[in-house]
Amino acid sequence: MHTAQHLVKHALTGALAKDRTILLVTHHISLCLPYASHLVELSAGKVARQGSIQELRDRGVLQQVIENEDVVDREDPVEDSSAAV
């Protein structure tokens, strides 16, 4: 399992996150979007857009944010600790 997927599944959506406000800074928008209630897009250190996921969807800008900012990762390479150095 990819590291980011593991963190989302076990730290951001499980018992650890219950009744907590979590502020997450990421480019993995599509991975976190199903669990997010609010999104803030930053550009050059300033807020470019913000709102609830539904507000951004209703304004027609959510898909644009995803297309411009989302990072889709490949699986993390597995390091072979038994390899000779």
Protein backbone atom coordinates (compact mmCIF):
# COMPACT_ATOMS: atom_id res chain seq x y z
CA MET A 1 0.00 0.00 0.00
CA HIS A 2 1.27 3.46 -0.86
CA THR A 3 2.38 5.55 2.13
CA ALA A 4 -0.14 8.34 1.47
CA GLN A 5 -3.00 5.84 1.13
CA HIS A 6 -1.94 4.20 4.39
CA LEU A 7 -1.93 7.54 6.23
CA VAL A 8 -5.35 8.52 4.89
CA LYS A 9 -6.84 5.13 5.73
CA HIS A 10 -5.36 4.75 9.20
CA ALA A 11 -4.66 8.24 10.53
CA LEU A 12 -7.09 10.62 8.86
CA THR A 13 -10.25 8.56 8.75
CA GLY A 14 -9.98 6.14 11.66
CA ALA A 15 -10.43 6.36 15.39
CA LEU A 16 -7.43 8.67 15.68
CA ALA A 17 -9.30 11.35 13.71
CA LYS A 18 -12.63 11.02 15.52
CA ASP A 19 -13.87 14.35 16.93
CA ARG A 20 -10.76 16.18 15.72
CA THR A 21 -10.10 18.96 13.28
CA ILE A 22 -7.28 18.01 10.93
CA LEU A 23 -5.38 20.47 8.79
CA LEU A 24 -3.58 18.66 5.99
CA VAL A 25 -1.34 20.26 3.39
CA THR A 26 -1.07 18.06 0.31
CA HIS A 27 -1.02 17.87 -3.47
CA HIS A 28 -2.81 14.50 -3.26
CA ILE A 29 -6.21 16.12 -3.69
CA SER A 30 -8.08 13.20 -5.23
CA LEU A 31 -6.84 10.88 -2.48
CA CYS A 32 -8.04 13.14 0.34
CA LEU A 33 -11.08 14.76 -1.29
CA PRO A 34 -13.57 12.04 -0.26
CA TYR A 35 -12.75 12.77 3.40
CA ALA A 36 -12.38 16.55 3.24
CA SER A 37 -15.04 19.04 4.23
CA HIS A 38 -13.15 22.20 3.22
CA LEU A 39 -10.44 22.99 0.67
CA VAL A 40 -8.07 25.95 0.53
CA GLU A 41 -5.95 26.43 -2.60
CA LEU A 42 -2.81 28.48 -2.07
CA SER A 43 -0.86 30.26 -4.80
CA ALA A 44 2.33 32.22 -4.13
CA GLY A 45 1.59 32.06 -0.41
CA LYS A 46 -1.90 33.56 -0.71
CA VAL A 47 -5.36 32.02 -0.69
CA ALA A 48 -6.48 31.60 -4.30
CA ARG A 49 -9.78 29.80 -3.57
CA GLN A 50 -11.47 28.29 -0.58
CA GLY A 51 -14.76 26.80 0.43
CA SER A 52 -16.54 23.63 1.30
CA ILE A 53 -16.18 20.86 -1.23
CA GLN A 54 -19.82 21.35 -2.23
CA GLU A 55 -19.42 25.14 -2.60
CA LEU A 56 -16.42 24.70 -4.87
CA ARG A 57 -18.30 22.06 -6.89
CA ASP A 58 -21.36 24.35 -7.19
CA ARG A 59 -19.16 27.25 -8.36
CA GLY A 60 -17.64 24.97 -11.00
CA VAL A 61 -14.06 25.34 -9.75
CA LEU A 62 -13.44 22.07 -7.92
CA GLN A 63 -12.59 20.12 -11.06
CA GLN A 64 -10.25 22.90 -12.18
CA VAL A 65 -8.40 22.79 -8.84
CA ILE A 66 -8.08 19.02 -9.13
CA GLU A 67 -6.79 19.19 -12.70
CA ASN A 68 -4.28 21.94 -11.89
CA GLU A 69 -2.99 20.75 -8.54
CA ASP A 70 -3.57 17.02 -8.04
CA VAL A 71 -0.60 14.66 -7.89
CA VAL A 72 -1.14 11.06 -8.86
CA ASP A 73 1.70 8.94 -7.50
CA ARG A 74 3.10 5.66 -8.58
CA GLU A 75 3.57 3.02 -5.92
CA ASP A 76 6.49 3.65 -3.60
CA PRO A 77 9.49 1.59 -4.64
CA VAL A 78 10.29 -1.10 -2.14
CA GLU A 79 13.85 -0.92 -0.93
CA ASP A 80 15.61 -4.25 -0.66
CA SER A 81 17.38 -4.12 2.68
CA SER A 82 19.22 -7.33 1.87
CA ALA A 83 21.01 -5.81 -1.14
CA ALA A 84 24.77 -5.55 -0.90
CA VAL A 85 26.14 -2.07 -0.40
